[in-house]
Amino acid sequence: MRYKPGYVMINVLVTAVGSELAFSIIKAIKLIAPPVGLIGCDIYPEVVGKYWCDSFHIVPPAKEEEDFITCLRELVAERAIDVIIPTNDIEFFVLAKYKEHFLQTLNCHILVNAPSEIERFNDKWRAYQWYQTKQLAAPQTFLAEEVEALRQQLLNMSYPLIVKPRRGGGSREIFKVDGFEELVNCLPLVTRPIVQEYLSGDDAEYTAGTYRTMANEVFVIVMKRTLKFGMTNTAQTVRDAGLESFCRQIILNTDLVGANNIQFRVTGDGPRILELNPRFSGTTGIRARFGFNEVAMWIDEQVLNKAPSAPRVREGHVMRYMQEQYHFLDSDEA
C-alpha cells in the first residue's frame, strides 16, 4: 500500500489480546485508514489475538505492577508505540495511574479513564448510588450483606429479582430468582452479591456507544440487541433522538472521557440505565462497522490533535456467530 509523502505510521499496543474485548478493539483498529501498526501483548504465549497483530509480546501480569510497567516502558521505547489500549480489568486500574507518566516520559497515550471514574462505575453499588444523586433512572438495587436486613428491604419488591456480583461484567455469577428462599440459596454462589430489580422487557434491551470529545461534544450510537450467554447476540441500529439524548446526558454528568458504553432497557416509564462501562466494550468492533469507530476518534484526538466530526452511522443489523483460529505446526498457515 502506498502512503502519502511524510506519512508516519501510528503504532498501537493492545493488551490482553486473548480477551473478547481485545478482539472487538482489534476489529475496529483494522478499519482505520490509513492503517496503523498493531502490536499485541498478553501474559500467555498462545492466544488468538497473537495471530491478529503485526507483532506479539509476552508481558508480566498487571498485578505484578512494577514488572508490568517496566516491561511496557521497554516495549513502548523499542517499538515506538504511540498508543496503549488496555483491555483487562486490572490493567485499567494500573495503567490509569501511569497515564500522565507515559505521556510525559515516552510521548505515549494510554486510552483509559481516570482511576476515580473507573472505580465508581466498576462497582455496581457505588454506581447505583451515583445514579440516584444525579436523578438518573436505574433499577432499584440493594446490598446483600446481611440476610435478615435484606429480607426487610425486599418486602415491597416484586419477583423476579436479579442477583449479581458487585463487580464484574458479562454473564458470570448472575441469577434470576423467583422468591426469597431461592435468592438466599444463590448468595453463596456470587462474589460480594447485590440484588437488583428485574426490568421486564427482554425485547427492549439496548447498548449504546458514546464518544466524548475534548470539546465536550458527545456522539452516540444506539443499538437494540438480544443477548445470549450474557453477551450481544444480535443487534440493529436505532435512530431515536430521545434515547440518544438520554445517553448523552448520562455521560455529561460524569467526568468520563473518550469512549464509554451504556447498557439500558426501555420500560413503560422510559429508559433506565443498567450499567455504565467506563471503557471500550465488546460491541466496539460492531459499532465501527456501522461507521461509529470510537477507537479511531480517540486516536485522532490524542495523537493527531484532530477534532472528530459526528460519525455518519449506517443503518442495519448484525448477527454474531462463533469462529475458530487455526495454527498448523507443519506450516506457516494460520
C-alpha atoms as a PDB file:
ATOM      1  CA  MET A   1       0.000   0.000   0.000  1.00  0.00           C
ATOM      2  CA  ARG A   2       1.280   3.473  -0.851  1.00  0.00           C
ATOM      3  CA  TYR A   3       1.313   6.232   1.726  1.00  0.00           C
ATOM      4  CA  LYS A   4       1.388   9.963   1.211  1.00  0.00           C
ATOM      5  CA  PRO A   5       4.837  11.574   1.416  1.00  0.00           C
ATOM      6  CA  GLY A   6       5.781  12.284   5.005  1.00  0.00           C
ATOM      7  CA  TYR A   7       3.269   9.777   6.369  1.00  0.00           C
ATOM      8  CA  VAL A   8       4.403   8.327   9.708  1.00  0.00           C
ATOM      9  CA  MET A   9       2.599   5.191  10.827  1.00  0.00           C
ATOM     10  CA  ILE A  10       0.960   5.282  14.257  1.00  0.00           C
ATOM     11  CA  ASN A  11       1.781   2.241  16.382  1.00  0.00           C
ATOM     12  CA  VAL A  12      -0.897   0.937  18.743  1.00  0.00           C
ATOM     13  CA  LEU A  13      -0.388  -1.607  21.525  1.00  0.00           C
ATOM     14  CA  VAL A  14      -3.449  -3.621  22.558  1.00  0.00           C
ATOM     15  CA  THR A  15      -3.058  -5.521  25.824  1.00  0.00           C
ATOM     16  CA  ALA A  16      -4.530  -8.878  26.868  1.00  0.00           C
ATOM     17  CA  VAL A  17      -5.153  -9.889  23.260  1.00  0.00           C
ATOM     18  CA  GLY A  18      -6.648 -13.181  24.375  1.00  0.00           C
ATOM     19  CA  SER A  19      -9.722 -11.340  25.667  1.00  0.00           C
ATOM     20  CA  GLU A  20     -13.077 -10.873  23.961  1.00  0.00           C
ATOM     21  CA  LEU A  21     -12.769  -7.110  24.442  1.00  0.00           C
ATOM     22  CA  ALA A  22      -9.388  -7.087  22.686  1.00  0.00           C
ATOM     23  CA  PHE A  23     -10.863  -8.895  19.670  1.00  0.00           C
ATOM     24  CA  SER A  24     -13.512  -6.205  19.366  1.00  0.00           C
ATOM     25  CA  ILE A  25     -10.987  -3.372  19.612  1.00  0.00           C
ATOM     26  CA  ILE A  26      -8.672  -5.007  17.070  1.00  0.00           C
ATOM     27  CA  LYS A  27     -11.569  -5.286  14.606  1.00  0.00           C
ATOM     28  CA  ALA A  28     -12.146  -1.534  14.945  1.00  0.00           C
ATOM     29  CA  ILE A  29      -8.419  -0.802  14.540  1.00  0.00           C
ATOM     30  CA  LYS A  30      -8.285  -2.799  11.306  1.00  0.00           C
ATOM     31  CA  LEU A  31     -10.901  -0.436   9.842  1.00  0.00           C
ATOM     32  CA  ILE A  32      -8.724   2.641  10.401  1.00  0.00           C
ATOM     33  CA  ALA A  33      -7.331   4.240   7.233  1.00  0.00           C
ATOM     34  CA  PRO A  34      -4.523   4.708   6.626  1.00  0.00           C
ATOM     35  CA  PRO A  35      -3.685   1.589   8.655  1.00  0.00           C
ATOM     36  CA  VAL A  36      -1.849   1.682  11.957  1.00  0.00           C
ATOM     37  CA  GLY A  37       0.862  -0.634  13.254  1.00  0.00           C
ATOM     38  CA  LEU A  38      -0.835  -3.163  15.523  1.00  0.00           C
ATOM     39  CA  ILE A  39       1.158  -4.670  18.379  1.00  0.00           C
ATOM     40  CA  GLY A  40      -0.364  -7.137  20.831  1.00  0.00           C
ATOM     41  CA  CYS A  41       0.665  -8.429  24.228  1.00  0.00           C
ATOM     42  CA  ASP A  42      -0.621 -10.946  26.746  1.00  0.00           C
ATOM     43  CA  ILE A  43       0.568 -12.917  29.761  1.00  0.00           C
ATOM     44  CA  TYR A  44       0.055 -16.160  27.814  1.00  0.00           C
ATOM     45  CA  PRO A  45       2.165 -17.218  24.796  1.00  0.00           C
ATOM     46  CA  GLU A  46      -0.709 -18.709  22.754  1.00  0.00           C
ATOM     47  CA  VAL A  47      -3.800 -16.547  22.373  1.00  0.00           C
ATOM     48  CA  VAL A  48      -5.981 -15.790  19.361  1.00  0.00           C
ATOM     49  CA  GLY A  49      -5.020 -12.119  19.208  1.00  0.00           C
ATOM     50  CA  LYS A  50      -1.388 -13.123  18.678  1.00  0.00           C
ATOM     51  CA  TYR A  51      -2.310 -14.021  15.101  1.00  0.00           C
ATOM     52  CA  TRP A  52      -4.342 -10.863  14.522  1.00  0.00           C
ATOM     53  CA  CYS A  53      -1.490  -8.444  15.271  1.00  0.00           C
ATOM     54  CA  ASP A  54       1.617  -7.410  13.314  1.00  0.00           C
ATOM     55  CA  SER A  55       3.767  -8.459  16.277  1.00  0.00           C
ATOM     56  CA  PHE A  56       3.175 -10.048  19.661  1.00  0.00           C
ATOM     57  CA  HIS A  57       4.934  -9.873  23.035  1.00  0.00           C
ATOM     58  CA  ILE A  58       4.580 -11.687  26.355  1.00  0.00           C
ATOM     59  CA  VAL A  59       4.307  -9.401  29.397  1.00  0.00           C
ATOM     60  CA  PRO A  60       4.034  -9.977  33.161  1.00  0.00           C
ATOM     61  CA  PRO A  61       0.583  -9.875  34.792  1.00  0.00           C
ATOM     62  CA  ALA A  62      -0.585  -6.373  35.699  1.00  0.00           C
ATOM     63  CA  LYS A  63      -0.943  -7.451  39.339  1.00  0.00           C
ATOM     64  CA  GLU A  64       2.871  -7.584  39.329  1.00  0.00           C
ATOM     65  CA  GLU A  65       2.718  -3.846  38.805  1.00  0.00           C
ATOM     66  CA  GLU A  66       6.406  -2.890  38.829  1.00  0.00           C
ATOM     67  CA  ASP A  67       7.435  -5.651  36.407  1.00  0.00           C
ATOM     68  CA  PHE A  68       4.401  -4.984  34.199  1.00  0.00           C
ATOM     69  CA  ILE A  69       5.103  -1.247  33.893  1.00  0.00           C
ATOM     70  CA  THR A  70       8.833  -1.796  33.339  1.00  0.00           C
ATOM     71  CA  CYS A  71       8.099  -4.260  30.547  1.00  0.00           C
ATOM     72  CA  LEU A  72       5.602  -1.903  28.890  1.00  0.00           C
ATOM     73  CA  ARG A  73       8.025   1.008  29.094  1.00  0.00           C
ATOM     74  CA  GLU A  74      10.685  -1.064  27.329  1.00  0.00           C
ATOM     75  CA  LEU A  75       8.175  -2.208  24.731  1.00  0.00           C
ATOM     76  CA  VAL A  76       6.970   1.342  24.049  1.00  0.00           C
ATOM     77  CA  ALA A  77      10.541   2.565  23.568  1.00  0.00           C
ATOM     78  CA  GLU A  78      11.592  -0.396  21.435  1.00  0.00           C
ATOM     79  CA  ARG A  79       8.571  -0.392  19.107  1.00  0.00           C
ATOM     80  CA  ALA A  80       7.941   3.397  19.065  1.00  0.00           C
ATOM     81  CA  ILE A  81       4.426   2.845  20.376  1.00  0.00           C
ATOM     82  CA  ASP A  82       2.162   5.903  20.275  1.00  0.00           C
ATOM     83  CA  VAL A  83      -0.946   4.480  21.947  1.00  0.00           C
ATOM     84  CA  ILE A  84      -1.709   1.795  24.535  1.00  0.00           C
ATOM     85  CA  ILE A  85      -5.231   0.364  24.755  1.00  0.00           C
ATOM     86  CA  PRO A  86      -5.779  -1.779  27.873  1.00  0.00           C
ATOM     87  CA  THR A  87      -8.495  -4.448  27.759  1.00  0.00           C
ATOM     88  CA  ASN A  88      -8.227  -6.224  31.119  1.00  0.00           C
ATOM     89  CA  ASP A  89      -9.933  -5.073  34.334  1.00  0.00           C
ATOM     90  CA  ILE A  90      -6.810  -4.872  36.490  1.00  0.00           C
ATOM     91  CA  GLU A  91      -4.891  -3.203  33.649  1.00  0.00           C
ATOM     92  CA  PHE A  92      -7.438  -0.362  33.572  1.00  0.00           C
ATOM     93  CA  PHE A  93      -6.676   0.464  37.194  1.00  0.00           C
ATOM     94  CA  VAL A  94      -2.902   0.069  36.903  1.00  0.00           C
ATOM     95  CA  LEU A  95      -2.438   1.959  33.636  1.00  0.00           C
ATOM     96  CA  ALA A  96      -4.801   4.758  34.653  1.00  0.00           C
ATOM     97  CA  LYS A  97      -2.270   5.635  37.368  1.00  0.00           C
ATOM     98  CA  TYR A  98       0.547   5.841  34.811  1.00  0.00           C
ATOM     99  CA  LYS A  99      -1.318   7.720  32.087  1.00  0.00           C
ATOM    100  CA  GLU A 100       0.497  11.027  32.586  1.00  0.00           C
ATOM    101  CA  HIS A 101       3.826   9.310  33.255  1.00  0.00           C
ATOM    102  CA  PHE A 102       3.792   7.507  29.886  1.00  0.00           C
ATOM    103  CA  LEU A 103       2.726  10.671  28.090  1.00  0.00           C
ATOM    104  CA  GLN A 104       5.366  12.898  29.678  1.00  0.00           C
ATOM    105  CA  THR A 105       8.299  10.466  29.541  1.00  0.00           C
ATOM    106  CA  LEU A 106       7.571   8.429  26.409  1.00  0.00           C
ATOM    107  CA  ASN A 107       5.050  10.548  24.471  1.00  0.00           C
ATOM    108  CA  CYS A 108       2.727   7.543  24.566  1.00  0.00           C
ATOM    109  CA  HIS A 109      -1.010   7.957  25.091  1.00  0.00           C
ATOM    110  CA  ILE A 110      -2.956   5.470  27.217  1.00  0.00           C
ATOM    111  CA  LEU A 111      -6.638   5.384  26.258  1.00  0.00           C
ATOM    112  CA  VAL A 112      -8.165   4.988  29.690  1.00  0.00           C
ATOM    113  CA  ASN A 113     -10.339   6.966  32.094  1.00  0.00           C
ATOM    114  CA  ALA A 114      -9.299   8.406  35.445  1.00  0.00           C
ATOM    115  CA  PRO A 115      -8.951   5.909  38.329  1.00  0.00           C
ATOM    116  CA  SER A 116     -11.812   7.523  40.274  1.00  0.00           C
ATOM    117  CA  GLU A 117     -14.227   7.119  37.357  1.00  0.00           C
ATOM    118  CA  ILE A 118     -13.142   3.534  36.706  1.00  0.00           C
ATOM    119  CA  GLU A 119     -13.590   2.672  40.380  1.00  0.00           C
ATOM    120  CA  ARG A 120     -17.063   4.253  40.576  1.00  0.00           C
ATOM    121  CA  PHE A 121     -18.566   2.504  37.578  1.00  0.00           C
ATOM    122  CA  ASN A 122     -16.881  -0.861  38.103  1.00  0.00           C
ATOM    123  CA  ASP A 123     -18.624  -1.031  41.474  1.00  0.00           C
ATOM    124  CA  LYS A 124     -22.323  -1.537  40.728  1.00  0.00           C
ATOM    125  CA  TRP A 125     -23.381  -0.435  44.218  1.00  0.00           C
ATOM    126  CA  ARG A 126     -21.389   2.800  44.064  1.00  0.00           C
ATOM    127  CA  ALA A 127     -22.649   3.376  40.535  1.00  0.00           C
ATOM    128  CA  TYR A 128     -26.262   2.951  41.694  1.00  0.00           C
ATOM    129  CA  GLN A 129     -25.748   5.459  44.495  1.00  0.00           C
ATOM    130  CA  TRP A 130     -24.289   7.880  41.956  1.00  0.00           C
ATOM    131  CA  TYR A 131     -27.266   7.382  39.590  1.00  0.00           C
ATOM    132  CA  GLN A 132     -29.536   8.345  42.475  1.00  0.00           C
ATOM    133  CA  THR A 133     -27.628  11.529  43.288  1.00  0.00           C
ATOM    134  CA  LYS A 134     -27.808  12.539  39.610  1.00  0.00           C
ATOM    135  CA  GLN A 135     -31.502  11.550  39.380  1.00  0.00           C
ATOM    136  CA  LEU A 136     -30.792   9.089  36.573  1.00  0.00           C
ATOM    137  CA  ALA A 137     -33.388   6.330  36.207  1.00  0.00           C
ATOM    138  CA  ALA A 138     -31.994   2.909  37.198  1.00  0.00           C
ATOM    139  CA  PRO A 139     -33.377  -0.337  38.662  1.00  0.00           C
ATOM    140  CA  GLN A 140     -33.624  -0.407  42.459  1.00  0.00           C
ATOM    141  CA  THR A 141     -30.530  -2.033  43.912  1.00  0.00           C
ATOM    142  CA  PHE A 142     -29.736  -3.475  47.354  1.00  0.00           C
ATOM    143  CA  LEU A 143     -26.618  -4.686  49.105  1.00  0.00           C
ATOM    144  CA  ALA A 144     -26.844  -8.337  50.140  1.00  0.00           C
ATOM    145  CA  GLU A 145     -24.536  -8.326  53.147  1.00  0.00           C
ATOM    146  CA  GLU A 146     -26.993  -9.457  55.831  1.00  0.00           C
ATOM    147  CA  VAL A 147     -29.902 -11.783  55.064  1.00  0.00           C
ATOM    148  CA  GLU A 148     -32.465 -10.521  57.580  1.00  0.00           C
ATOM    149  CA  ALA A 149     -31.827  -6.884  56.715  1.00  0.00           C
ATOM    150  CA  LEU A 150     -32.185  -7.783  53.051  1.00  0.00           C
ATOM    151  CA  ARG A 151     -35.477  -9.587  53.748  1.00  0.00           C
ATOM    152  CA  GLN A 152     -36.927  -6.401  55.212  1.00  0.00           C
ATOM    153  CA  GLN A 153     -35.671  -4.255  52.321  1.00  0.00           C
ATOM    154  CA  LEU A 154     -37.289  -6.558  49.775  1.00  0.00           C
ATOM    155  CA  LEU A 155     -40.728  -6.762  51.398  1.00  0.00           C
ATOM    156  CA  ASN A 156     -42.284  -4.413  48.849  1.00  0.00           C
ATOM    157  CA  MET A 157     -40.353  -5.710  45.847  1.00  0.00           C
ATOM    158  CA  SER A 158     -41.910  -7.918  43.191  1.00  0.00           C
ATOM    159  CA  TYR A 159     -40.181 -11.024  41.874  1.00  0.00           C
ATOM    160  CA  PRO A 160     -38.303 -12.000  39.818  1.00  0.00           C
ATOM    161  CA  LEU A 161     -35.186 -10.212  41.037  1.00  0.00           C
ATOM    162  CA  ILE A 162     -31.603 -10.333  39.818  1.00  0.00           C
ATOM    163  CA  VAL A 163     -28.656 -11.427  41.954  1.00  0.00           C
ATOM    164  CA  LYS A 164     -25.286 -10.362  40.561  1.00  0.00           C
ATOM    165  CA  PRO A 165     -21.761  -9.572  41.769  1.00  0.00           C
ATOM    166  CA  ARG A 166     -20.988  -6.059  42.883  1.00  0.00           C
ATOM    167  CA  ARG A 167     -18.075  -6.064  40.447  1.00  0.00           C
ATOM    168  CA  GLY A 168     -17.528  -7.736  37.093  1.00  0.00           C
ATOM    169  CA  GLY A 169     -19.367  -7.939  33.798  1.00  0.00           C
ATOM    170  CA  GLY A 170     -20.783 -10.431  31.336  1.00  0.00           C
ATOM    171  CA  SER A 171     -22.997 -13.311  32.452  1.00  0.00           C
ATOM    172  CA  ARG A 172     -20.781 -14.633  35.250  1.00  0.00           C
ATOM    173  CA  GLU A 173     -22.490 -15.238  38.599  1.00  0.00           C
ATOM    174  CA  ILE A 174     -25.811 -13.682  37.551  1.00  0.00           C
ATOM    175  CA  PHE A 175     -29.057 -15.331  38.660  1.00  0.00           C
ATOM    176  CA  LYS A 176     -32.710 -14.534  38.086  1.00  0.00           C
ATOM    177  CA  VAL A 177     -34.665 -15.630  41.175  1.00  0.00           C
ATOM    178  CA  ASP A 178     -38.402 -16.065  41.750  1.00  0.00           C
ATOM    179  CA  GLY A 179     -38.512 -15.979  45.552  1.00  0.00           C
ATOM    180  CA  PHE A 180     -36.574 -15.066  48.680  1.00  0.00           C
ATOM    181  CA  GLU A 181     -35.552 -18.634  49.524  1.00  0.00           C
ATOM    182  CA  GLU A 182     -34.111 -19.101  46.040  1.00  0.00           C
ATOM    183  CA  LEU A 183     -32.362 -15.751  46.378  1.00  0.00           C
ATOM    184  CA  VAL A 184     -30.737 -16.777  49.688  1.00  0.00           C
ATOM    185  CA  ASN A 185     -29.525 -20.031  48.119  1.00  0.00           C
ATOM    186  CA  CYS A 186     -27.827 -18.028  45.348  1.00  0.00           C
ATOM    187  CA  LEU A 187     -25.960 -15.634  47.626  1.00  0.00           C
ATOM    188  CA  PRO A 188     -23.027 -18.004  48.405  1.00  0.00           C
ATOM    189  CA  LEU A 189     -22.544 -18.513  44.655  1.00  0.00           C
ATOM    190  CA  VAL A 190     -21.969 -14.820  43.970  1.00  0.00           C
ATOM    191  CA  THR A 191     -18.922 -12.762  44.900  1.00  0.00           C
ATOM    192  CA  ARG A 192     -19.987  -9.771  47.028  1.00  0.00           C
ATOM    193  CA  PRO A 193     -23.610 -10.003  45.798  1.00  0.00           C
ATOM    194  CA  ILE A 194     -26.117  -7.246  45.208  1.00  0.00           C
ATOM    195  CA  VAL A 195     -29.819  -7.655  44.439  1.00  0.00           C
ATOM    196  CA  GLN A 196     -31.403  -5.674  41.649  1.00  0.00           C
ATOM    197  CA  GLU A 197     -34.917  -5.008  40.444  1.00  0.00           C
ATOM    198  CA  TYR A 198     -35.675  -7.009  37.304  1.00  0.00           C
ATOM    199  CA  LEU A 199     -36.710  -4.762  34.442  1.00  0.00           C
ATOM    200  CA  SER A 200     -39.244  -6.606  32.312  1.00  0.00           C
ATOM    201  CA  GLY A 201     -38.997  -6.388  28.583  1.00  0.00           C
ATOM    202  CA  ASP A 202     -36.321  -8.742  27.299  1.00  0.00           C
ATOM    203  CA  ASP A 203     -37.156  -7.343  23.865  1.00  0.00           C
ATOM    204  CA  ALA A 204     -36.239  -3.806  24.969  1.00  0.00           C
ATOM    205  CA  GLU A 205     -32.535  -4.248  25.739  1.00  0.00           C
ATOM    206  CA  TYR A 206     -30.183  -1.609  24.319  1.00  0.00           C
ATOM    207  CA  THR A 207     -26.457  -0.968  24.159  1.00  0.00           C
ATOM    208  CA  ALA A 208     -25.059   2.443  23.297  1.00  0.00           C
ATOM    209  CA  GLY A 209     -21.579   3.509  22.340  1.00  0.00           C
ATOM    210  CA  THR A 210     -20.620   7.050  23.288  1.00  0.00           C
ATOM    211  CA  TYR A 211     -17.636   9.214  22.473  1.00  0.00           C
ATOM    212  CA  ARG A 212     -16.966  12.393  24.430  1.00  0.00           C
ATOM    213  CA  THR A 213     -14.693  14.794  22.584  1.00  0.00           C
ATOM    214  CA  MET A 214     -12.191  17.183  24.143  1.00  0.00           C
ATOM    215  CA  ALA A 215     -14.616  19.961  23.151  1.00  0.00           C
ATOM    216  CA  ASN A 216     -17.269  18.232  25.329  1.00  0.00           C
ATOM    217  CA  GLU A 217     -19.446  17.030  22.468  1.00  0.00           C
ATOM    218  CA  VAL A 218     -20.933  13.569  22.978  1.00  0.00           C
ATOM    219  CA  PHE A 219     -21.533  11.371  19.951  1.00  0.00           C
ATOM    220  CA  VAL A 220     -23.913   8.436  20.429  1.00  0.00           C
ATOM    221  CA  ILE A 221     -24.833   5.261  18.577  1.00  0.00           C
ATOM    222  CA  VAL A 222     -27.791   3.288  19.944  1.00  0.00           C
ATOM    223  CA  MET A 223     -28.352  -0.377  19.120  1.00  0.00           C
ATOM    224  CA  LYS A 224     -31.250  -2.575  20.159  1.00  0.00           C
ATOM    225  CA  ARG A 225     -29.982  -6.050  20.932  1.00  0.00           C
ATOM    226  CA  THR A 226     -30.733  -9.585  22.008  1.00  0.00           C
ATOM    227  CA  LEU A 227     -28.495 -11.419  24.449  1.00  0.00           C
ATOM    228  CA  LYS A 228     -27.053 -14.922  24.516  1.00  0.00           C
ATOM    229  CA  PHE A 229     -24.845 -16.109  27.373  1.00  0.00           C
ATOM    230  CA  GLY A 230     -24.879 -12.546  28.703  1.00  0.00           C
ATOM    231  CA  MET A 231     -23.392 -11.011  25.547  1.00  0.00           C
ATOM    232  CA  THR A 232     -24.806  -9.278  22.479  1.00  0.00           C
ATOM    233  CA  ASN A 233     -26.068 -11.924  20.046  1.00  0.00           C
ATOM    234  CA  THR A 234     -27.952  -9.791  17.501  1.00  0.00           C
ATOM    235  CA  ALA A 235     -28.244  -6.025  17.226  1.00  0.00           C
ATOM    236  CA  GLN A 236     -29.703  -3.354  14.997  1.00  0.00           C
ATOM    237  CA  THR A 237     -29.052   0.361  14.795  1.00  0.00           C
ATOM    238  CA  VAL A 238     -31.761   2.624  16.202  1.00  0.00           C
ATOM    239  CA  ARG A 239     -32.302   6.272  15.332  1.00  0.00           C
ATOM    240  CA  ASP A 240     -34.102   7.772  18.315  1.00  0.00           C
ATOM    241  CA  ALA A 241     -33.338  11.316  19.427  1.00  0.00           C
ATOM    242  CA  GLY A 242     -34.806  10.682  22.872  1.00  0.00           C
ATOM    243  CA  LEU A 243     -32.617   7.658  23.584  1.00  0.00           C
ATOM    244  CA  GLU A 244     -29.552   9.432  22.223  1.00  0.00           C
ATOM    245  CA  SER A 245     -30.282  12.393  24.496  1.00  0.00           C
ATOM    246  CA  PHE A 246     -30.701  10.031  27.471  1.00  0.00           C
ATOM    247  CA  CYS A 247     -27.219   8.590  26.827  1.00  0.00           C
ATOM    248  CA  ARG A 248     -25.674  11.979  26.154  1.00  0.00           C
ATOM    249  CA  GLN A 249     -26.919  13.406  29.456  1.00  0.00           C
ATOM    250  CA  ILE A 250     -25.577  10.425  31.394  1.00  0.00           C
ATOM    251  CA  ILE A 251     -22.080  10.991  30.016  1.00  0.00           C
ATOM    252  CA  LEU A 252     -22.225  14.764  30.552  1.00  0.00           C
ATOM    253  CA  ASN A 253     -22.990  14.130  34.227  1.00  0.00           C
ATOM    254  CA  THR A 254     -19.678  12.294  34.590  1.00  0.00           C
ATOM    255  CA  ASP A 255     -16.007  13.161  34.235  1.00  0.00           C
ATOM    256  CA  LEU A 256     -15.570  10.327  31.739  1.00  0.00           C
ATOM    257  CA  VAL A 257     -13.557  10.959  28.578  1.00  0.00           C
ATOM    258  CA  GLY A 258     -13.305   9.286  25.203  1.00  0.00           C
ATOM    259  CA  ALA A 259     -15.157   6.028  24.569  1.00  0.00           C
ATOM    260  CA  ASN A 260     -17.679   4.603  27.050  1.00  0.00           C
ATOM    261  CA  ASN A 261     -20.559   2.141  26.865  1.00  0.00           C
ATOM    262  CA  ILE A 262     -24.082   2.375  28.316  1.00  0.00           C
ATOM    263  CA  GLN A 263     -26.420  -0.596  28.696  1.00  0.00           C
ATOM    264  CA  PHE A 264     -30.080   0.146  29.373  1.00  0.00           C
ATOM    265  CA  ARG A 265     -33.628  -1.078  28.981  1.00  0.00           C
ATOM    266  CA  VAL A 266     -36.673   0.857  27.844  1.00  0.00           C
ATOM    267  CA  THR A 267     -39.621   0.376  30.207  1.00  0.00           C
ATOM    268  CA  GLY A 268     -43.117   1.812  30.366  1.00  0.00           C
ATOM    269  CA  ASP A 269     -41.574   4.660  32.361  1.00  0.00           C
ATOM    270  CA  GLY A 270     -38.842   5.315  29.813  1.00  0.00           C
ATOM    271  CA  PRO A 271     -35.199   4.236  29.564  1.00  0.00           C
ATOM    272  CA  ARG A 272     -33.443   3.003  32.716  1.00  0.00           C
ATOM    273  CA  ILE A 273     -29.707   2.502  32.943  1.00  0.00           C
ATOM    274  CA  LEU A 274     -28.368  -0.965  33.740  1.00  0.00           C
ATOM    275  CA  GLU A 275     -24.625  -0.362  33.514  1.00  0.00           C
ATOM    276  CA  LEU A 276     -22.170   2.326  32.518  1.00  0.00           C
ATOM    277  CA  ASN A 277     -18.865   0.807  31.408  1.00  0.00           C
ATOM    278  CA  PRO A 278     -16.002   3.352  31.535  1.00  0.00           C
ATOM    279  CA  ARG A 279     -14.136   1.827  28.589  1.00  0.00           C
ATOM    280  CA  PHE A 280     -14.446   0.320  25.149  1.00  0.00           C
ATOM    281  CA  SER A 281     -16.879  -2.603  25.073  1.00  0.00           C
ATOM    282  CA  GLY A 282     -17.441  -5.945  23.389  1.00  0.00           C
ATOM    283  CA  THR A 283     -19.502  -4.241  20.663  1.00  0.00           C
ATOM    284  CA  THR A 284     -16.800  -1.687  19.767  1.00  0.00           C
ATOM    285  CA  GLY A 285     -15.894  -3.626  16.619  1.00  0.00           C
ATOM    286  CA  ILE A 286     -19.543  -3.943  15.633  1.00  0.00           C
ATOM    287  CA  ARG A 287     -20.145  -0.227  16.044  1.00  0.00           C
ATOM    288  CA  ALA A 288     -17.065   0.545  13.950  1.00  0.00           C
ATOM    289  CA  ARG A 289     -18.531  -1.450  11.058  1.00  0.00           C
ATOM    290  CA  PHE A 290     -21.614   0.780  11.230  1.00  0.00           C
ATOM    291  CA  GLY A 291     -19.461   3.904  10.968  1.00  0.00           C
ATOM    292  CA  PHE A 292     -19.035   4.696  14.671  1.00  0.00           C
ATOM    293  CA  ASN A 293     -15.350   3.959  15.232  1.00  0.00           C
ATOM    294  CA  GLU A 294     -14.572   5.299  18.695  1.00  0.00           C
ATOM    295  CA  VAL A 295     -11.055   3.821  18.594  1.00  0.00           C
ATOM    296  CA  ALA A 296     -10.257   5.920  15.522  1.00  0.00           C
ATOM    297  CA  MET A 297     -11.849   9.012  17.087  1.00  0.00           C
ATOM    298  CA  TRP A 298      -9.801   8.700  20.282  1.00  0.00           C
ATOM    299  CA  ILE A 299      -6.545   8.129  18.385  1.00  0.00           C
ATOM    300  CA  ASP A 300      -7.304  11.102  16.095  1.00  0.00           C
ATOM    301  CA  GLU A 301      -7.839  13.412  19.065  1.00  0.00           C
ATOM    302  CA  GLN A 302      -4.991  12.228  21.261  1.00  0.00           C
ATOM    303  CA  VAL A 303      -2.226  11.574  18.731  1.00  0.00           C
ATOM    304  CA  LEU A 304      -3.089  13.676  15.687  1.00  0.00           C
ATOM    305  CA  ASN A 305      -4.797  16.580  17.503  1.00  0.00           C
ATOM    306  CA  LYS A 306      -7.621  16.150  15.015  1.00  0.00           C
ATOM    307  CA  ALA A 307     -11.096  17.001  16.268  1.00  0.00           C
ATOM    308  CA  PRO A 308     -13.542  14.270  15.223  1.00  0.00           C
ATOM    309  CA  SER A 309     -16.732  15.148  13.411  1.00  0.00           C
ATOM    310  CA  ALA A 310     -20.062  13.491  14.170  1.00  0.00           C
ATOM    311  CA  PRO A 311     -19.963   9.947  12.751  1.00  0.00           C
ATOM    312  CA  ARG A 312     -22.293   9.017   9.915  1.00  0.00           C
ATOM    313  CA  VAL A 313     -23.907   5.866  11.272  1.00  0.00           C
ATOM    314  CA  ARG A 314     -25.134   3.317   8.743  1.00  0.00           C
ATOM    315  CA  GLU A 315     -28.438   1.579   9.374  1.00  0.00           C
ATOM    316  CA  GLY A 316     -28.552  -2.182   9.575  1.00  0.00           C
ATOM    317  CA  HIS A 317     -28.366  -5.224  11.805  1.00  0.00           C
ATOM    318  CA  VAL A 318     -25.703  -7.710  12.836  1.00  0.00           C
ATOM    319  CA  MET A 319     -25.719 -11.378  13.876  1.00  0.00           C
ATOM    320  CA  ARG A 320     -22.859 -12.829  15.904  1.00  0.00           C
ATOM    321  CA  TYR A 321     -21.511 -16.339  15.444  1.00  0.00           C
ATOM    322  CA  MET A 322     -18.613 -18.424  16.677  1.00  0.00           C
ATOM    323  CA  GLN A 323     -15.447 -18.995  14.682  1.00  0.00           C
ATOM    324  CA  GLU A 324     -12.022 -20.507  15.282  1.00  0.00           C
ATOM    325  CA  GLN A 325      -8.381 -19.556  14.805  1.00  0.00           C
ATOM    326  CA  TYR A 326      -6.221 -22.362  13.401  1.00  0.00           C
ATOM    327  CA  HIS A 327      -2.455 -22.625  13.643  1.00  0.00           C
ATOM    328  CA  PHE A 328      -0.801 -25.610  11.963  1.00  0.00           C
ATOM    329  CA  LEU A 329       2.567 -26.680  13.301  1.00  0.00           C
ATOM    330  CA  ASP A 330       3.721 -28.105   9.954  1.00  0.00           C
ATOM    331  CA  SER A 331       3.282 -24.864   8.018  1.00  0.00           C
ATOM    332  CA  ASP A 332       3.076 -21.077   8.329  1.00  0.00           C
ATOM    333  CA  GLU A 333      -0.656 -21.135   7.609  1.00  0.00           C
ATOM    334  CA  ALA A 334      -2.848 -19.759  10.392  1.00  0.00           C
END
